[in-house]
Amino acid sequence: CDAINYEMENDSFSIDGLRNFMQGLVDGGPTPSGHRTPMVFATIPAWGFDGPSMRANVWQIAQCLAAGVHGVLICEMESPEAAQIAIAGARYKWTWPGVEQLPLEGCRGAGSQAFAAHIWGLSNAEYSQVADVWPHNPKGEITMGFKLENRRSAESCENILATKGLAFAEPGPSDNGLSHLGWDAVRSD
């Protein structure tokens, strides 16, 4: 696989399960390309409705990254403020030399790198050097994504997609259909 989506938006939210999954990938041996594991991103239920809701749930991002995933996909991203908070949730408190300071300081805590570094096959210091959001930090290897999956996301999409540190976005076609078409999207003929 080029990437694995570990689904926790609509499935069980279990950091222990995620840690065991990541350890299982390591135990299974390297990928055919020689990487320790495939790229893994977790989809989480920390919806990006607004700043307060993201602040209340940003811990989910930190926990997933501490479990060794390479990125996180945030659902229902509809607020530029929530987008900035989500990116801050993926970053440590320092800014790497030569990398522009973002509006919000990172909020990953010291000590969270130990298990992730083990999964990545790096020392804590080596992990700390690459545990930043790409493409904002060209040497960063954390990949953050947003799902823009409702009418409010569509209205704010240009501002959301301009968030520094965002690597990818997707439209969430099923939820977008429900949001834009309502009952017509689900009723049967």
Protein backbone atom coordinates (compact mmCIF):
# COMPACT_ATOMS: atom_id res chain seq x y z
CA CYS A 1 0.00 0.00 0.00
CA ASP A 2 1.11 3.55 -0.63
CA ALA A 3 -0.93 4.65 2.37
CA ILE A 4 -3.32 3.15 4.88
CA ASN A 5 -6.27 5.05 6.31
CA TYR A 6 -6.86 3.89 9.89
CA GLU A 7 -10.55 4.75 10.30
CA MET A 8 -11.69 6.09 13.67
CA GLU A 9 -14.31 8.62 12.57
CA ASN A 10 -17.14 6.11 12.30
CA ASP A 11 -15.46 3.15 13.96
CA SER A 12 -14.09 2.49 17.42
CA PHE A 13 -11.85 5.28 18.72
CA SER A 14 -9.06 3.29 20.33
CA ILE A 15 -5.56 4.64 20.72
CA ASP A 16 -4.46 1.29 22.18
CA GLY A 17 -5.81 -0.41 19.05
CA LEU A 18 -3.96 2.11 16.88
CA ARG A 19 -0.69 1.54 18.76
CA ASN A 20 -1.08 -2.22 18.38
CA PHE A 21 -1.79 -1.80 14.66
CA MET A 22 1.32 0.33 14.17
CA GLN A 23 3.45 -2.16 16.14
CA GLY A 24 2.00 -4.97 13.99
CA LEU A 25 3.14 -3.18 10.85
CA VAL A 26 6.66 -2.90 12.29
CA ASP A 27 6.64 -6.54 13.37
CA GLY A 28 5.48 -7.57 9.87
CA GLY A 29 8.70 -6.29 8.38
CA PRO A 30 9.52 -3.54 5.96
CA THR A 31 7.51 -2.69 2.87
CA PRO A 32 8.74 -3.94 -0.53
CA SER A 33 10.18 -0.44 -1.06
CA GLY A 34 12.23 -0.82 2.15
CA HIS A 35 10.22 1.57 4.34
CA ARG A 36 9.65 0.45 7.91
CA THR A 37 5.86 0.75 7.45
CA PRO A 38 3.52 2.11 4.82
CA MET A 39 2.36 5.68 5.37
CA VAL A 40 -0.53 5.54 7.85
CA PHE A 41 -2.97 8.34 8.52
CA ALA A 42 -5.80 8.20 11.03
CA THR A 43 -9.26 9.60 10.34
CA ILE A 44 -10.63 10.95 13.61
CA PRO A 45 -13.93 12.38 14.87
CA ALA A 46 -12.43 15.77 15.88
CA TRP A 47 -14.77 17.72 13.62
CA GLY A 48 -13.65 21.15 12.45
CA PHE A 49 -16.94 22.98 12.99
CA ASP A 50 -15.30 25.97 14.70
CA GLY A 51 -12.41 26.98 16.93
CA PRO A 52 -13.95 25.90 20.26
CA SER A 53 -14.91 22.43 19.01
CA MET A 54 -11.42 21.86 17.57
CA ARG A 55 -9.74 23.13 20.76
CA ALA A 56 -11.84 20.65 22.75
CA ASN A 57 -10.74 17.75 20.54
CA VAL A 58 -7.21 18.61 19.41
CA TRP A 59 -5.93 16.02 21.89
CA GLN A 60 -7.05 13.34 19.42
CA ILE A 61 -4.45 14.56 16.90
CA ALA A 62 -1.65 14.46 19.47
CA GLN A 63 -2.65 10.97 20.65
CA CYS A 64 -2.73 9.57 17.11
CA LEU A 65 0.68 11.03 16.27
CA ALA A 66 2.10 9.72 19.55
CA ALA A 67 0.89 6.27 18.42
CA GLY A 68 3.23 6.55 15.42
CA VAL A 69 0.91 7.43 12.55
CA HIS A 70 2.31 9.65 9.84
CA GLY A 71 -0.70 11.92 9.53
CA VAL A 72 -4.24 12.72 10.56
CA LEU A 73 -7.38 13.44 8.52
CA ILE A 74 -9.85 15.82 10.19
CA CYS A 75 -13.53 15.43 9.25
CA GLU A 76 -16.14 18.13 8.62
CA MET A 77 -13.55 20.91 8.38
CA GLU A 78 -15.53 24.09 7.87
CA SER A 79 -13.67 26.77 9.80
CA PRO A 80 -10.33 28.43 9.02
CA GLU A 81 -9.84 28.89 12.78
CA ALA A 82 -10.38 25.17 13.38
CA ALA A 83 -7.96 24.42 10.53
CA GLN A 84 -5.18 26.43 12.19
CA ILE A 85 -5.84 24.74 15.54
CA ALA A 86 -5.69 21.28 13.90
CA ILE A 87 -2.30 22.09 12.35
CA ALA A 88 -1.06 23.36 15.73
CA GLY A 89 -2.19 20.05 17.21
CA ALA A 90 0.21 18.21 14.91
CA ARG A 91 3.24 20.36 15.78
CA TYR A 92 5.58 20.57 18.73
CA LYS A 93 6.02 23.85 20.57
CA TRP A 94 9.20 24.82 18.75
CA THR A 95 9.70 26.10 15.23
CA TRP A 96 12.56 24.63 13.25
CA PRO A 97 15.32 27.00 12.10
CA GLY A 98 14.48 28.38 8.67
CA VAL A 99 10.77 27.47 8.95
CA GLU A 100 8.20 30.25 9.20
CA GLN A 101 6.44 30.56 12.56
CA LEU A 102 2.73 29.78 12.24
CA PRO A 103 0.07 31.94 13.95
CA LEU A 104 -0.55 29.29 16.64
CA GLU A 105 2.17 27.58 18.63
CA GLY A 106 2.22 23.80 18.37
CA CYS A 107 0.72 21.84 21.24
CA ARG A 108 2.27 18.36 21.09
CA GLY A 109 3.96 17.73 24.41
CA ALA A 110 7.45 16.59 25.27
CA GLY A 111 7.55 12.84 25.79
CA SER A 112 5.00 12.11 23.08
CA GLN A 113 7.78 11.28 20.66
CA ALA A 114 9.06 8.10 22.39
CA PHE A 115 6.63 5.50 21.01
CA ALA A 116 6.30 7.28 17.65
CA ALA A 117 10.10 7.33 17.28
CA HIS A 118 10.17 3.59 18.02
CA ILE A 119 7.53 2.94 15.33
CA TRP A 120 9.40 5.08 12.82
CA GLY A 121 12.71 3.35 13.68
CA LEU A 122 14.32 6.60 14.78
CA SER A 123 15.87 7.97 17.94
CA ASN A 124 13.80 10.54 19.84
CA ALA A 125 16.08 13.29 18.51
CA GLU A 126 15.81 12.06 14.91
CA TYR A 127 12.01 11.83 15.17
CA SER A 128 11.85 15.35 16.61
CA GLN A 129 13.69 16.64 13.55
CA VAL A 130 11.09 15.26 11.10
CA ALA A 131 7.91 15.47 13.23
CA ASP A 132 6.58 18.64 11.66
CA VAL A 133 3.90 19.28 9.06
CA TRP A 134 4.78 19.01 5.41
CA PRO A 135 4.72 21.01 3.13
CA HIS A 136 5.02 23.95 5.53
CA ASN A 137 8.30 22.45 6.71
CA PRO A 138 9.94 20.85 3.64
CA LYS A 139 11.78 18.41 5.96
CA GLY A 140 8.63 17.60 7.90
CA GLU A 141 7.07 14.15 7.54
CA ILE A 142 3.70 14.67 9.26
CA THR A 143 0.84 14.81 6.75
CA MET A 144 -2.33 16.66 7.74
CA GLY A 145 -5.54 16.42 5.76
CA PHE A 146 -9.02 17.90 5.94
CA LYS A 147 -12.37 16.62 4.70
CA LEU A 148 -14.50 19.42 3.26
CA GLU A 149 -17.82 17.66 3.37
CA ASN A 150 -20.71 20.07 3.79
CA ARG A 151 -22.17 23.36 2.51
CA ARG A 152 -20.29 25.45 5.10
CA SER A 153 -17.01 23.79 4.03
CA ALA A 154 -17.75 24.72 0.43
CA GLU A 155 -18.38 28.34 1.43
CA SER A 156 -15.07 28.54 3.34
CA CYS A 157 -12.98 26.21 1.17
CA GLU A 158 -10.55 28.81 -0.21
CA ASN A 159 -9.62 30.01 3.29
CA ILE A 160 -9.42 26.46 4.67
CA LEU A 161 -7.25 25.24 1.79
CA ALA A 162 -4.88 28.18 2.33
CA THR A 163 -3.99 26.87 5.82
CA LYS A 164 -0.23 26.53 6.10
CA GLY A 165 0.69 22.98 7.01
CA LEU A 166 -2.20 21.34 5.14
CA ALA A 167 -0.94 18.56 2.85
CA PHE A 168 -4.18 17.28 1.30
CA ALA A 169 -7.95 17.66 1.31
CA GLU A 170 -10.85 15.60 0.07
CA PRO A 171 -14.47 16.46 -0.62
CA GLY A 172 -16.19 13.71 1.38
CA PRO A 173 -18.61 13.00 -1.48
CA SER A 174 -21.21 11.06 0.51
CA ASP A 175 -21.54 13.64 3.27
CA ASN A 176 -21.38 16.48 0.74
CA GLY A 177 -24.25 14.88 -1.14
CA LEU A 178 -26.28 14.67 2.06
CA SER A 179 -25.48 18.28 2.96
CA HIS A 180 -26.19 19.74 -0.48
CA LEU A 181 -29.07 17.52 -1.60
CA GLY A 182 -30.63 16.50 1.70
CA TRP A 183 -33.21 13.73 1.51
CA ASP A 184 -32.90 13.58 -2.29
CA ALA A 185 -29.40 12.14 -1.82
CA VAL A 186 -30.65 9.11 0.10
CA ARG A 187 -34.21 8.37 -0.93
CA SER A 188 -34.73 5.44 -3.22
CA ASP A 189 -36.86 5.48 -6.35
